[in-house]
Amino acid sequence: MDTKLMTITPEIAEQWLARNTDNRRIRPGLIKALASEIAEGRWQVTHQGIAFDEYGALLDGQHRLRAIIVADTPVSMYVTTGAPHSSFAVVDSGASRSFIDRVFASGADVSKEHAAIARVIELGAGETRRASYLETMGFINKHREALDWVVGLGGSKNGRRPASMMAVVARAWYTRDRARLAQFVEVFSTGAANSPADWAAIRLRDFLMSGKFAPKGATARMATYQKSESAIDMFLRGVPATKLYGTRDELFPVPGEFGATKRNTGKRDGANEGFRRTVEG
């Protein structure tokens, strides 16, 4: 068995994938994440790379090779040849490192709340792919001041302050009254409104505590995000909320975004129009 560092071009990757005769099923989300790392210059050489068995068949690395093709960028990896074919059964069988495991190893001063909120800010509440460690750290560094402020108010604990809601608070931090945003989180957390101008936080709290949506999943995260946008907007403007509807519009663009963007998919429905009449009327 022999291992050496090689530069793998998209053309070489194509050739080597033709030798993929007995490998695991393809995971498109993983390929997309790896390709992003490569294309944006975050790829790092590690002991993990490409492996061929004693017969020349691809044993490990099909997702890395496909990512090179998608990114259309050559990268350096360790390539092992002559590995026993029987070793395929134990490839990647160890426990995978969690985000917090990697943070601990790097010494970075971040929490799971930082990561969860940052992913929603950058990828949106409906995104299902998992961002890599380096990509997530990039998100955190980009919004570090806003994230530290929001996490300092309280992170996602027991589902009472979900990341999909706190991400909206973090977005609003850039352009809106921060003292009022802190009041929103306080009213949402305690359930104690000081005036009708605070009702929007109570309406959102009631929705999330009603159990109408499961605590996990893209649909639940999207519903939470959309209603949080509406609730925070009404709360900031002091509009008494008797009902709460979600909105497809991005109401709190962050630096680098241009105007209100439609980050959320789906057709505009009567309920959403009802929200607009309530707010604007």
Foldseek 3Di string as FASTA:
>chain_A
DDKDKDKAALVNLVVQVVLADDADDDDVLLLVQLLVCQLVVNDDEDQDAWEAAQVRHTLDDNSVSSSNNVNRHIDMYMYYYHHHSVCSVCVPVDDDDDLVNVCVVVVPPDDVQLQLLLCCLPPNLQDDRDHDSVVSVVSCVVLVVLSVVLVVLPGCDPNQHDSLLSNLLSLVVQPADNVLSSVLSVCSNPVDDPDLLNQLSNQLSCVSVVPPDDSDDSVVSNQSNQQSNLSSVSSRVSQRDPHTDGDQWQPRHHPPDDPIDRSDDDDDDPRRVVSVVSVVD
